[in-house]
Amino acid sequence: SEMCIRDRSYNKMLKLLSIAFVFAVALGKYGFDASSGPYNPASMACMRHRGFTFAIFRAFRQVNRVDPNVVANIKAAHDGGISDVSIYIYPCGKCNDPREQIIKTVEALKHSNYNTIWLDIERKGWNLKAKERNRRFLLEMFDEAVKHGKPVGIYSGMYSWKAIVGLDWIVGSKFPLWWPHWDRRASFRNFRPYGGWNAPHIKQFDHDHKNCRVKYDLNYMH
């Protein structure tokens, strides 16, 4: 009958939509980064249920001190079912202790389970008239971070990188890029090379969200 044909067509459409959804998810992963807390396992389980598979928490603040919430946040994420957990360091670029900032962070997290150390390089907190000094500062940070055996990555947009060290400085491109570009698109298609990077590893594609009692930014990893 006509009704049976419509039912079969509807079921076929649902199957096609399901396949398309699975295929889209397989193309990339969604995660979040957060600088607040402390969060609990229930909030992290809620975020996992919403489809987030990785988390990146602030571990060091620009005021030159370890974030007091990072240990609890890492543990809560694991307990809530998010196993891919990394941290980021927001350096005090005007301070005189690049290595010590890494050492303080790693020491505070010696009993925590995390993956990558991301260095958050933004214009705020740096002397923008001292590119050579900034380059030396970052070289020391890179060297110290690598010494501790963790993967290292860099969070920086084109304009921040240009202002702090210059687009012709490509030393940082040996590390993966976490690219901030708030166009609300989970895609790398509109990326323009800079600083030696030809493609990002992660894209932060939107910011200032709140769900599951968590304040976070949206990220996409291909």
N, C-alpha and C. Protein backbone atom coordinates (compact mmCIF):
# COMPACT_ATOMS: atom_id res chain seq x y z
N SER A 1 0.83 -1.19 0.00
CA SER A 1 0.00 0.00 0.00
C SER A 1 0.87 1.25 0.00
N GLU A 2 0.21 2.39 -0.25
CA GLU A 2 0.93 3.66 -0.26
C GLU A 2 1.55 3.95 1.10
N MET A 3 0.84 3.59 2.19
CA MET A 3 1.36 3.84 3.55
C MET A 3 2.61 3.02 3.80
N CYS A 4 2.63 1.76 3.37
CA CYS A 4 3.80 0.91 3.56
C CYS A 4 5.00 1.46 2.80
N ILE A 5 4.74 1.95 1.58
CA ILE A 5 5.83 2.53 0.78
C ILE A 5 6.41 3.74 1.48
N ARG A 6 5.49 4.57 2.05
CA ARG A 6 5.96 5.77 2.77
C ARG A 6 6.79 5.36 3.99
N ASP A 7 6.34 4.31 4.70
CA ASP A 7 7.05 3.83 5.89
C ASP A 7 8.44 3.33 5.51
N ARG A 8 8.52 2.56 4.41
CA ARG A 8 9.81 2.04 3.98
C ARG A 8 10.75 3.18 3.57
N SER A 9 10.20 4.18 2.90
CA SER A 9 11.00 5.33 2.48
C SER A 9 11.51 6.10 3.71
N TYR A 10 10.62 6.24 4.70
CA TYR A 10 11.00 6.96 5.93
C TYR A 10 12.10 6.22 6.68
N ASN A 11 11.96 4.89 6.80
CA ASN A 11 12.98 4.09 7.48
C ASN A 11 14.31 4.14 6.74
N LYS A 12 14.24 4.11 5.41
CA LYS A 12 15.47 4.20 4.61
C LYS A 12 16.16 5.54 4.84
N MET A 13 15.36 6.62 4.92
CA MET A 13 15.92 7.95 5.16
C MET A 13 16.60 8.00 6.52
N LEU A 14 15.96 7.39 7.55
CA LEU A 14 16.54 7.37 8.89
C LEU A 14 17.87 6.64 8.90
N LYS A 15 17.95 5.52 8.18
CA LYS A 15 19.20 4.76 8.10
C LYS A 15 20.30 5.58 7.45
N LEU A 16 19.93 6.28 6.37
CA LEU A 16 20.92 7.11 5.68
C LEU A 16 21.41 8.24 6.57
N LEU A 17 20.49 8.84 7.32
CA LEU A 17 20.87 9.91 8.24
C LEU A 17 21.80 9.38 9.34
N SER A 18 21.51 8.18 9.84
CA SER A 18 22.34 7.58 10.88
C SER A 18 23.75 7.31 10.36
N ILE A 19 23.84 6.79 9.13
CA ILE A 19 25.15 6.52 8.53
C ILE A 19 25.91 7.83 8.35
N ALA A 20 25.21 8.86 7.89
CA ALA A 20 25.85 10.16 7.68
C ALA A 20 26.38 10.72 9.00
N PHE A 21 25.60 10.54 10.08
CA PHE A 21 26.03 11.04 11.38
C PHE A 21 27.28 10.32 11.86
N VAL A 22 27.29 9.00 11.75
CA VAL A 22 28.45 8.22 12.17
C VAL A 22 29.68 8.62 11.36
N PHE A 23 29.48 8.81 10.06
CA PHE A 23 30.59 9.19 9.19
C PHE A 23 31.13 10.56 9.58
N ALA A 24 30.23 11.51 9.91
CA ALA A 24 30.67 12.86 10.29
C ALA A 24 31.46 12.83 11.58
N VAL A 25 31.00 12.03 12.56
CA VAL A 25 31.71 11.93 13.83
C VAL A 25 33.10 11.33 13.61
N ALA A 26 33.17 10.35 12.69
CA ALA A 26 34.44 9.67 12.44
C ALA A 26 35.47 10.62 11.84
N LEU A 27 35.00 11.70 11.21
CA LEU A 27 35.92 12.63 10.57
C LEU A 27 36.71 13.47 11.56
N GLY A 28 36.23 13.64 12.75
CA GLY A 28 36.91 14.47 13.73
C GLY A 28 36.40 14.23 15.14
N LYS A 29 37.07 14.85 16.09
CA LYS A 29 36.69 14.73 17.49
C LYS A 29 36.41 16.12 18.05
N TYR A 30 35.51 16.17 19.00
CA TYR A 30 35.16 17.43 19.64
C TYR A 30 35.63 17.42 21.09
N GLY A 31 36.17 18.55 21.51
CA GLY A 31 36.65 18.67 22.88
C GLY A 31 36.40 20.06 23.41
N PHE A 32 36.85 20.29 24.62
CA PHE A 32 36.67 21.60 25.24
C PHE A 32 37.91 21.96 26.04
N ASP A 33 38.11 23.25 26.23
CA ASP A 33 39.14 23.70 27.16
C ASP A 33 38.47 24.58 28.21
N ALA A 34 39.02 24.55 29.42
CA ALA A 34 38.42 25.29 30.52
C ALA A 34 39.49 25.86 31.43
N SER A 35 39.19 27.03 31.99
CA SER A 35 40.14 27.69 32.88
C SER A 35 39.56 27.94 34.26
N SER A 36 38.39 27.37 34.51
CA SER A 36 37.74 27.57 35.82
C SER A 36 37.72 26.25 36.58
N GLY A 37 36.80 26.13 37.51
CA GLY A 37 36.68 24.93 38.33
C GLY A 37 36.77 25.27 39.80
N PRO A 38 36.98 24.25 40.64
CA PRO A 38 37.17 22.85 40.27
C PRO A 38 35.86 22.19 39.85
N TYR A 39 35.97 21.28 38.89
CA TYR A 39 34.81 20.57 38.40
C TYR A 39 34.77 19.17 39.01
N ASN A 40 33.58 18.58 38.99
CA ASN A 40 33.43 17.25 39.59
C ASN A 40 33.18 16.20 38.50
N PRO A 41 33.29 14.92 38.85
CA PRO A 41 33.09 13.86 37.86
C PRO A 41 31.73 13.88 37.18
N ALA A 42 30.69 14.31 37.94
CA ALA A 42 29.35 14.34 37.34
C ALA A 42 29.28 15.35 36.19
N SER A 43 29.91 16.50 36.37
CA SER A 43 29.94 17.50 35.30
C SER A 43 30.73 16.98 34.09
N MET A 44 31.82 16.28 34.37
CA MET A 44 32.63 15.74 33.28
C MET A 44 31.89 14.61 32.55
N ALA A 45 31.16 13.79 33.30
CA ALA A 45 30.37 12.73 32.67
C ALA A 45 29.28 13.35 31.79
N CYS A 46 28.73 14.45 32.24
CA CYS A 46 27.72 15.17 31.47
C CYS A 46 28.34 15.69 30.17
N MET A 47 29.56 16.23 30.25
CA MET A 47 30.23 16.71 29.05
C MET A 47 30.54 15.55 28.10
N ARG A 48 30.94 14.44 28.66
CA ARG A 48 31.20 13.25 27.83
C ARG A 48 29.92 12.81 27.12
N HIS A 49 28.81 12.86 27.84
CA HIS A 49 27.52 12.48 27.26
C HIS A 49 27.12 13.42 26.13
N ARG A 50 27.57 14.65 26.18
CA ARG A 50 27.28 15.63 25.13
C ARG A 50 28.17 15.44 23.89
N GLY A 51 29.11 14.49 23.97
CA GLY A 51 29.91 14.15 22.81
C GLY A 51 31.34 14.64 22.83
N PHE A 52 31.77 15.24 23.93
CA PHE A 52 33.15 15.71 24.02
C PHE A 52 34.07 14.54 24.39
N THR A 53 35.15 14.37 23.62
CA THR A 53 36.04 13.23 23.86
C THR A 53 37.42 13.64 24.35
N PHE A 54 37.72 14.94 24.37
CA PHE A 54 38.99 15.38 24.94
C PHE A 54 38.80 16.69 25.70
N ALA A 55 39.67 16.91 26.68
CA ALA A 55 39.60 18.10 27.52
C ALA A 55 40.99 18.68 27.72
N ILE A 56 41.08 19.99 27.77
CA ILE A 56 42.34 20.68 28.02
C ILE A 56 42.10 21.71 29.12
N PHE A 57 42.83 21.58 30.21
CA PHE A 57 42.62 22.46 31.36
C PHE A 57 43.81 23.39 31.57
N ARG A 58 43.51 24.60 32.03
CA ARG A 58 44.60 25.53 32.37
C ARG A 58 45.36 25.01 33.58
N ALA A 59 46.68 24.99 33.46
CA ALA A 59 47.52 24.49 34.55
C ALA A 59 48.40 25.57 35.15
N PHE A 60 48.64 26.63 34.38
CA PHE A 60 49.51 27.71 34.87
C PHE A 60 48.91 29.03 34.40
N ARG A 61 48.87 29.99 35.34
CA ARG A 61 48.22 31.26 35.05
C ARG A 61 49.25 32.34 34.71
N GLN A 62 48.79 33.34 33.99
CA GLN A 62 49.65 34.43 33.55
C GLN A 62 50.23 35.23 34.72
N VAL A 63 49.63 35.08 35.89
CA VAL A 63 50.13 35.78 37.08
C VAL A 63 51.29 35.03 37.72
N ASN A 64 51.85 34.08 36.97
CA ASN A 64 53.06 33.35 37.37
C ASN A 64 52.83 32.40 38.54
N ARG A 65 51.73 31.67 38.46
CA ARG A 65 51.47 30.65 39.49
C ARG A 65 50.64 29.50 38.90
N VAL A 66 50.80 28.35 39.50
CA VAL A 66 50.04 27.16 39.08
C VAL A 66 48.56 27.37 39.37
N ASP A 67 47.71 26.94 38.45
CA ASP A 67 46.26 27.03 38.66
C ASP A 67 45.86 26.06 39.77
N PRO A 68 45.21 26.55 40.82
CA PRO A 68 44.87 25.68 41.96
C PRO A 68 43.82 24.62 41.64
N ASN A 69 43.13 24.74 40.52
CA ASN A 69 42.06 23.79 40.19
C ASN A 69 42.49 22.66 39.26
N VAL A 70 43.70 22.73 38.71
CA VAL A 70 44.05 21.82 37.63
C VAL A 70 44.11 20.36 38.06
N VAL A 71 44.65 20.08 39.22
CA VAL A 71 44.75 18.68 39.66
C VAL A 71 43.37 18.06 39.80
N ALA A 72 42.45 18.79 40.44
CA ALA A 72 41.08 18.29 40.62
C ALA A 72 40.37 18.14 39.27
N ASN A 73 40.60 19.08 38.36
CA ASN A 73 39.93 19.02 37.06
C ASN A 73 40.39 17.81 36.24
N ILE A 74 41.68 17.54 36.26
CA ILE A 74 42.19 16.38 35.53
C ILE A 74 41.59 15.09 36.07
N LYS A 75 41.58 14.97 37.39
CA LYS A 75 41.03 13.76 38.01
C LYS A 75 39.54 13.62 37.71
N ALA A 76 38.80 14.73 37.78
CA ALA A 76 37.36 14.69 37.52
C ALA A 76 37.08 14.24 36.09
N ALA A 77 37.89 14.72 35.15
CA ALA A 77 37.69 14.33 33.75
C ALA A 77 37.86 12.83 33.56
N HIS A 78 38.93 12.29 34.13
CA HIS A 78 39.14 10.83 34.03
C HIS A 78 38.01 10.07 34.71
N ASP A 79 37.63 10.52 35.89
CA ASP A 79 36.56 9.84 36.62
C ASP A 79 35.22 9.95 35.90
N GLY A 80 35.07 11.00 35.10
CA GLY A 80 33.82 11.20 34.36
C GLY A 80 33.81 10.55 32.99
N GLY A 81 34.90 9.84 32.65
CA GLY A 81 34.92 9.09 31.39
C GLY A 81 35.64 9.75 30.24
N ILE A 82 36.32 10.87 30.50
CA ILE A 82 37.10 11.52 29.45
C ILE A 82 38.56 11.16 29.67
N SER A 83 39.11 10.31 28.82
CA SER A 83 40.45 9.78 29.04
C SER A 83 41.54 10.62 28.37
N ASP A 84 41.17 11.40 27.35
CA ASP A 84 42.14 12.23 26.63
C ASP A 84 42.18 13.61 27.28
N VAL A 85 43.10 13.79 28.20
CA VAL A 85 43.18 15.03 28.99
C VAL A 85 44.56 15.66 28.82
N SER A 86 44.59 16.92 28.49
CA SER A 86 45.84 17.66 28.38
C SER A 86 45.75 18.94 29.21
N ILE A 87 46.85 19.68 29.26
CA ILE A 87 46.89 20.92 30.03
C ILE A 87 47.47 22.04 29.17
N TYR A 88 47.20 23.28 29.59
CA TYR A 88 47.88 24.39 28.93
C TYR A 88 48.48 25.34 29.97
N ILE A 89 49.60 25.89 29.58
CA ILE A 89 50.32 26.86 30.39
C ILE A 89 50.16 28.23 29.74
N TYR A 90 49.62 29.18 30.51
CA TYR A 90 49.53 30.56 30.04
C TYR A 90 50.71 31.29 30.65
N PRO A 91 51.80 31.45 29.92
CA PRO A 91 53.03 31.95 30.53
C PRO A 91 52.93 33.42 30.97
N CYS A 92 53.75 33.73 31.94
CA CYS A 92 53.99 35.13 32.29
C CYS A 92 55.15 35.58 31.40
N GLY A 93 54.82 36.15 30.24
CA GLY A 93 55.83 36.49 29.25
C GLY A 93 56.77 37.61 29.65
N LYS A 94 56.35 38.40 30.63
CA LYS A 94 57.19 39.51 31.08
C LYS A 94 58.05 39.13 32.28
N CYS A 95 57.87 37.90 32.76
CA CYS A 95 58.68 37.44 33.89
C CYS A 95 60.05 36.96 33.39
N ASN A 96 60.92 36.62 34.32
CA ASN A 96 62.30 36.27 33.95
C ASN A 96 62.62 34.79 34.17
N ASP A 97 61.58 33.96 34.25
CA ASP A 97 61.82 32.56 34.63
C ASP A 97 61.08 31.58 33.72
N PRO A 98 61.36 31.55 32.43
CA PRO A 98 60.61 30.65 31.53
C PRO A 98 60.72 29.19 31.92
N ARG A 99 61.91 28.75 32.31
CA ARG A 99 62.07 27.35 32.68
C ARG A 99 61.34 27.03 33.98
N GLU A 100 61.40 27.96 34.92
CA GLU A 100 60.78 27.72 36.22
C GLU A 100 59.26 27.58 36.09
N GLN A 101 58.66 28.27 35.13
CA GLN A 101 57.21 28.15 34.94
C GLN A 101 56.83 26.73 34.51
N ILE A 102 57.65 26.14 33.67
CA ILE A 102 57.42 24.74 33.26
C ILE A 102 57.66 23.81 34.45
N ILE A 103 58.74 24.03 35.16
CA ILE A 103 59.10 23.15 36.29
C ILE A 103 58.02 23.18 37.36
N LYS A 104 57.53 24.36 37.68
CA LYS A 104 56.46 24.49 38.70
C LYS A 104 55.22 23.69 38.28
N THR A 105 54.88 23.80 37.01
CA THR A 105 53.69 23.11 36.51
C THR A 105 53.85 21.59 36.57
N VAL A 106 54.95 21.11 36.05
CA VAL A 106 55.19 19.66 36.01
C VAL A 106 55.27 19.09 37.43
N GLU A 107 55.89 19.82 38.32
CA GLU A 107 56.00 19.36 39.72
C GLU A 107 54.62 19.27 40.36
N ALA A 108 53.77 20.27 40.10
CA ALA A 108 52.43 20.26 40.69
C ALA A 108 51.58 19.11 40.16
N LEU A 109 51.91 18.63 38.96
CA LEU A 109 51.12 17.58 38.31
C LEU A 109 51.82 16.23 38.29
N LYS A 110 52.78 16.05 39.17
CA LYS A 110 53.57 14.81 39.13
C LYS A 110 52.74 13.56 39.40
N HIS A 111 51.59 13.71 40.05
CA HIS A 111 50.73 12.55 40.32
C HIS A 111 49.48 12.55 39.44
N SER A 112 49.44 13.43 38.44
CA SER A 112 48.27 13.54 37.57
C SER A 112 48.54 12.87 36.23
N ASN A 113 47.46 12.41 35.61
CA ASN A 113 47.53 11.71 34.33
C ASN A 113 47.07 12.66 33.21
N TYR A 114 48.03 13.17 32.44
CA TYR A 114 47.68 14.08 31.36
C TYR A 114 48.60 13.82 30.17
N ASN A 115 48.22 14.32 29.02
CA ASN A 115 48.95 14.06 27.78
C ASN A 115 49.85 15.23 27.41
N THR A 116 49.34 16.12 26.58
CA THR A 116 50.15 17.20 26.01
C THR A 116 50.25 18.42 26.92
N ILE A 117 51.41 19.07 26.88
CA ILE A 117 51.59 20.39 27.49
C ILE A 117 51.46 21.42 26.36
N TRP A 118 50.38 22.18 26.38
CA TRP A 118 50.19 23.24 25.40
C TRP A 118 50.66 24.57 25.99
N LEU A 119 51.38 25.35 25.21
CA LEU A 119 51.83 26.67 25.62
C LEU A 119 50.92 27.70 24.97
N ASP A 120 50.22 28.44 25.79
CA ASP A 120 49.21 29.41 25.34
C ASP A 120 49.89 30.76 25.10
N ILE A 121 50.15 31.08 23.84
CA ILE A 121 50.91 32.28 23.50
C ILE A 121 49.96 33.32 22.92
N GLU A 122 49.56 34.28 23.77
CA GLU A 122 48.67 35.36 23.38
C GLU A 122 49.34 36.70 23.66
N ARG A 123 48.84 37.75 23.02
CA ARG A 123 49.50 39.06 23.12
C ARG A 123 49.55 39.61 24.54
N LYS A 124 48.52 39.38 25.30
CA LYS A 124 48.47 39.91 26.66
C LYS A 124 49.60 39.31 27.51
N GLY A 125 50.36 40.17 28.18
CA GLY A 125 51.39 39.69 29.09
C GLY A 125 52.78 39.61 28.49
N TRP A 126 52.95 40.08 27.23
CA TRP A 126 54.26 40.06 26.58
C TRP A 126 54.69 41.48 26.23
N ASN A 127 55.99 41.70 26.17
CA ASN A 127 56.52 42.97 25.68
C ASN A 127 56.57 42.89 24.15
N LEU A 128 55.64 43.54 23.49
CA LEU A 128 55.51 43.43 22.04
C LEU A 128 56.58 44.22 21.28
N LYS A 129 57.41 44.93 22.02
CA LYS A 129 58.51 45.66 21.38
C LYS A 129 59.83 44.92 21.54
N ALA A 130 59.76 43.69 22.01
CA ALA A 130 60.99 42.93 22.28
C ALA A 130 60.90 41.53 21.69
N LYS A 131 60.76 41.44 20.38
CA LYS A 131 60.60 40.13 19.74
C LYS A 131 61.78 39.20 19.97
N GLU A 132 62.99 39.73 19.92
CA GLU A 132 64.17 38.87 20.13
C GLU A 132 64.17 38.29 21.53
N ARG A 133 63.84 39.11 22.48
CA ARG A 133 63.76 38.63 23.87
C ARG A 133 62.66 37.58 24.01
N ASN A 134 61.52 37.80 23.36
CA ASN A 134 60.41 36.85 23.41
C ASN A 134 60.79 35.52 22.77
N ARG A 135 61.56 35.58 21.68
CA ARG A 135 62.01 34.36 21.03
C ARG A 135 62.92 33.55 21.95
N ARG A 136 63.83 34.21 22.61
CA ARG A 136 64.73 33.50 23.55
C ARG A 136 63.94 32.90 24.70
N PHE A 137 62.96 33.64 25.18
CA PHE A 137 62.09 33.17 26.27
C PHE A 137 61.39 31.87 25.86
N LEU A 138 60.80 31.87 24.66
CA LEU A 138 60.07 30.70 24.21
C LEU A 138 60.99 29.52 23.93
N LEU A 139 62.18 29.79 23.42
CA LEU A 139 63.13 28.71 23.20
C LEU A 139 63.46 27.98 24.50
N GLU A 140 63.59 28.74 25.58
CA GLU A 140 63.86 28.11 26.88
C GLU A 140 62.65 27.32 27.36
N MET A 141 61.46 27.86 27.13
CA MET A 141 60.25 27.13 27.52
C MET A 141 60.14 25.83 26.74
N PHE A 142 60.36 25.89 25.42
CA PHE A 142 60.29 24.68 24.60
C PHE A 142 61.27 23.63 25.12
N ASP A 143 62.49 24.06 25.33
CA ASP A 143 63.55 23.15 25.76
C ASP A 143 63.19 22.49 27.08
N GLU A 144 62.69 23.27 28.02
CA GLU A 144 62.37 22.73 29.35
C GLU A 144 61.17 21.80 29.27
N ALA A 145 60.17 22.17 28.49
CA ALA A 145 58.97 21.32 28.38
C ALA A 145 59.31 19.97 27.77
N VAL A 146 60.12 19.96 26.73
CA VAL A 146 60.51 18.71 26.07
C VAL A 146 61.28 17.82 27.03
N LYS A 147 62.09 18.40 27.89
CA LYS A 147 62.89 17.63 28.84
C LYS A 147 62.04 16.71 29.71
N HIS A 148 60.80 17.09 29.94
CA HIS A 148 59.96 16.34 30.88
C HIS A 148 59.19 15.20 30.22
N GLY A 149 59.47 14.96 28.94
CA GLY A 149 58.96 13.75 28.30
C GLY A 149 57.52 13.79 27.85
N LYS A 150 56.89 14.96 27.89
CA LYS A 150 55.51 15.07 27.43
C LYS A 150 55.47 15.70 26.04
N PRO A 151 54.49 15.34 25.23
CA PRO A 151 54.32 16.06 23.96
C PRO A 151 54.06 17.54 24.24
N VAL A 152 54.57 18.38 23.37
CA VAL A 152 54.42 19.82 23.54
C VAL A 152 53.71 20.39 22.32
N GLY A 153 52.83 21.35 22.54
CA GLY A 153 52.13 22.02 21.45
C GLY A 153 52.01 23.51 21.75
N ILE A 154 51.58 24.26 20.74
CA ILE A 154 51.48 25.72 20.87
C ILE A 154 50.07 26.18 20.49
N TYR A 155 49.49 26.97 21.38
CA TYR A 155 48.23 27.67 21.11
C TYR A 155 48.57 29.11 20.76
N SER A 156 48.26 29.52 19.55
CA SER A 156 48.51 30.91 19.17
C SER A 156 47.85 31.21 17.84
N GLY A 157 47.21 32.36 17.77
CA GLY A 157 46.65 32.81 16.51
C GLY A 157 47.68 33.58 15.70
N MET A 158 47.36 33.80 14.43
CA MET A 158 48.30 34.49 13.54
C MET A 158 48.71 35.86 14.09
N TYR A 159 47.75 36.63 14.59
CA TYR A 159 48.06 38.00 15.00
C TYR A 159 48.86 38.03 16.30
N SER A 160 48.60 37.10 17.19
CA SER A 160 49.41 37.02 18.42
C SER A 160 50.83 36.60 18.09
N TRP A 161 50.96 35.58 17.25
CA TRP A 161 52.30 35.09 16.89
C TRP A 161 53.10 36.19 16.19
N LYS A 162 52.44 36.91 15.30
CA LYS A 162 53.09 38.02 14.59
C LYS A 162 53.56 39.09 15.56
N ALA A 163 52.71 39.45 16.52
CA ALA A 163 53.03 40.53 17.45
C ALA A 163 54.13 40.15 18.44
N ILE A 164 54.18 38.89 18.84
CA ILE A 164 55.10 38.47 19.91
C ILE A 164 56.47 38.08 19.37
N VAL A 165 56.50 37.26 18.31
CA VAL A 165 57.79 36.79 17.80
C VAL A 165 58.01 37.05 16.31
N GLY A 166 56.94 37.41 15.59
CA GLY A 166 57.06 37.65 14.16
C GLY A 166 56.74 36.42 13.33
N LEU A 167 56.08 36.63 12.20
CA LEU A 167 55.67 35.51 11.36
C LEU A 167 56.84 34.80 10.70
N ASP A 168 58.00 35.46 10.65
CA ASP A 168 59.17 34.83 10.03
C ASP A 168 59.89 33.88 10.96
N TRP A 169 59.47 33.85 12.23
CA TRP A 169 60.11 32.94 13.21
C TRP A 169 59.35 31.62 13.16
N ILE A 170 59.96 30.59 12.58
CA ILE A 170 59.25 29.32 12.34
C ILE A 170 59.69 28.20 13.28
N VAL A 171 60.48 28.54 14.29
CA VAL A 171 61.00 27.51 15.22
C VAL A 171 59.86 26.76 15.90
N GLY A 172 58.79 27.48 16.24
CA GLY A 172 57.68 26.84 16.94
C GLY A 172 56.92 25.84 16.11
N SER A 173 57.07 25.88 14.79
CA SER A 173 56.27 25.02 13.93
C SER A 173 56.67 23.55 13.99
N LYS A 174 57.74 23.24 14.72
CA LYS A 174 58.08 21.83 14.91
C LYS A 174 57.13 21.17 15.90
N PHE A 175 56.33 22.01 16.59
CA PHE A 175 55.32 21.51 17.52
C PHE A 175 53.94 21.69 16.88
N PRO A 176 52.97 20.84 17.23
CA PRO A 176 51.62 20.98 16.67
C PRO A 176 50.97 22.29 17.10
N LEU A 177 50.09 22.79 16.25
CA LEU A 177 49.41 24.06 16.50
C LEU A 177 47.98 23.84 16.95
N TRP A 178 47.62 24.55 18.00
CA TRP A 178 46.23 24.66 18.45
C TRP A 178 45.79 26.06 18.02
N TRP A 179 44.92 26.10 17.03
CA TRP A 179 44.59 27.34 16.33
C TRP A 179 43.29 27.95 16.83
N PRO A 180 43.32 29.15 17.42
CA PRO A 180 42.09 29.83 17.81
C PRO A 180 41.50 30.63 16.65
N HIS A 181 40.30 30.25 16.24
CA HIS A 181 39.64 30.95 15.14
C HIS A 181 38.14 30.77 15.34
N TRP A 182 37.49 31.78 15.88
CA TRP A 182 36.10 31.64 16.35
C TRP A 182 35.09 31.92 15.24
N ASP A 183 35.03 31.03 14.28
CA ASP A 183 34.06 31.17 13.20
C ASP A 183 32.90 30.18 13.34
N ARG A 184 32.90 29.44 14.44
CA ARG A 184 31.84 28.46 14.73
C ARG A 184 31.77 27.33 13.71
N ARG A 185 32.89 27.06 13.06
CA ARG A 185 32.95 25.98 12.08
C ARG A 185 33.96 24.93 12.51
N ALA A 186 33.51 23.69 12.64
CA ALA A 186 34.41 22.59 13.02
C ALA A 186 35.10 22.08 11.77
N SER A 187 36.03 22.89 11.27
CA SER A 187 36.72 22.58 10.02
C SER A 187 38.02 23.35 9.96
N PHE A 188 39.02 22.79 9.26
CA PHE A 188 40.31 23.47 9.05
C PHE A 188 40.37 24.16 7.68
N ARG A 189 39.29 24.17 6.95
CA ARG A 189 39.33 24.58 5.55
C ARG A 189 39.79 26.03 5.34
N ASN A 190 39.50 26.92 6.28
CA ASN A 190 39.85 28.32 6.08
C ASN A 190 41.16 28.71 6.76
N PHE A 191 41.99 27.72 7.08
CA PHE A 191 43.28 28.02 7.70
C PHE A 191 44.25 28.59 6.68
N ARG A 192 44.95 29.66 7.08
CA ARG A 192 46.01 30.25 6.24
C ARG A 192 47.34 30.04 6.95
N PRO A 193 48.34 29.49 6.28
CA PRO A 193 49.63 29.20 6.93
C PRO A 193 50.26 30.45 7.55
N TYR A 194 50.91 30.23 8.68
CA TYR A 194 51.69 31.29 9.34
C TYR A 194 52.70 30.65 10.27
N GLY A 195 53.79 31.35 10.51
CA GLY A 195 54.80 30.90 11.46
C GLY A 195 55.42 29.54 11.15
N GLY A 196 55.29 29.07 9.91
CA GLY A 196 55.82 27.76 9.56
C GLY A 196 54.80 26.64 9.62
N TRP A 197 53.60 26.91 10.14
CA TRP A 197 52.55 25.89 10.21
C TRP A 197 51.75 25.89 8.92
N ASN A 198 51.54 24.72 8.37
CA ASN A 198 50.71 24.56 7.18
C ASN A 198 49.32 24.03 7.48
N ALA A 199 49.14 23.54 8.72
CA ALA A 199 47.84 23.04 9.15
C ALA A 199 47.83 22.96 10.66
N PRO A 200 46.68 23.16 11.28
CA PRO A 200 46.59 23.01 12.74
C PRO A 200 46.35 21.56 13.14
N HIS A 201 46.58 21.30 14.41
CA HIS A 201 46.25 20.00 14.98
C HIS A 201 44.87 20.06 15.65
N ILE A 202 44.60 21.19 16.28
CA ILE A 202 43.31 21.44 16.93
C ILE A 202 42.86 22.84 16.52
N LYS A 203 41.56 23.01 16.38
CA LYS A 203 41.00 24.35 16.15
C LYS A 203 40.04 24.69 17.28
N GLN A 204 40.27 25.82 17.93
CA GLN A 204 39.31 26.36 18.89
C GLN A 204 38.35 27.22 18.07
N PHE A 205 37.14 26.71 17.84
CA PHE A 205 36.27 27.36 16.86
C PHE A 205 35.14 28.19 17.47
N ASP A 206 35.00 28.17 18.80
CA ASP A 206 34.04 29.07 19.46
C ASP A 206 34.41 29.16 20.94
N HIS A 207 33.85 30.15 21.63
CA HIS A 207 34.26 30.38 23.02
C HIS A 207 33.05 30.79 23.87
N ASP A 208 33.30 30.81 25.18
CA ASP A 208 32.31 31.27 26.16
C ASP A 208 31.01 30.49 26.13
N HIS A 209 31.12 29.17 26.26
CA HIS A 209 29.94 28.32 26.39
C HIS A 209 29.79 27.87 27.84
N LYS A 210 28.58 27.45 28.18
CA LYS A 210 28.35 26.90 29.53
C LYS A 210 27.30 25.81 29.46
N ASN A 211 27.70 24.61 29.85
CA ASN A 211 26.80 23.46 29.97
C ASN A 211 27.34 22.58 31.08
N CYS A 212 26.49 21.76 31.66
CA CYS A 212 26.91 20.80 32.69
C CYS A 212 27.65 21.49 33.84
N ARG A 213 27.34 22.77 34.06
CA ARG A 213 28.01 23.57 35.10
C ARG A 213 29.50 23.77 34.80
N VAL A 214 29.83 23.75 33.52
CA VAL A 214 31.20 23.95 33.08
C VAL A 214 31.25 25.15 32.12
N LYS A 215 32.18 26.06 32.34
CA LYS A 215 32.44 27.15 31.40
C LYS A 215 33.60 26.71 30.49
N TYR A 216 33.40 26.79 29.18
CA TYR A 216 34.39 26.20 28.29
C TYR A 216 34.39 26.84 26.90
N ASP A 217 35.43 26.54 26.14
CA ASP A 217 35.53 26.89 24.72
C ASP A 217 35.41 25.61 23.90
N LEU A 218 34.95 25.74 22.67
CA LEU A 218 34.75 24.58 21.79
C LEU A 218 35.97 24.32 20.92
N ASN A 219 36.33 23.06 20.78
CA ASN A 219 37.50 22.67 19.99
C ASN A 219 37.19 21.49 19.09
N TYR A 220 37.89 21.47 17.97
CA TYR A 220 37.74 20.39 16.99
C TYR A 220 39.12 19.84 16.64
N MET A 221 39.25 18.54 16.61
CA MET A 221 40.51 17.88 16.24
C MET A 221 40.21 16.91 15.11
N HIS A 222 40.97 17.01 14.03
CA HIS A 222 40.75 16.14 12.88
C HIS A 222 41.73 14.96 12.92
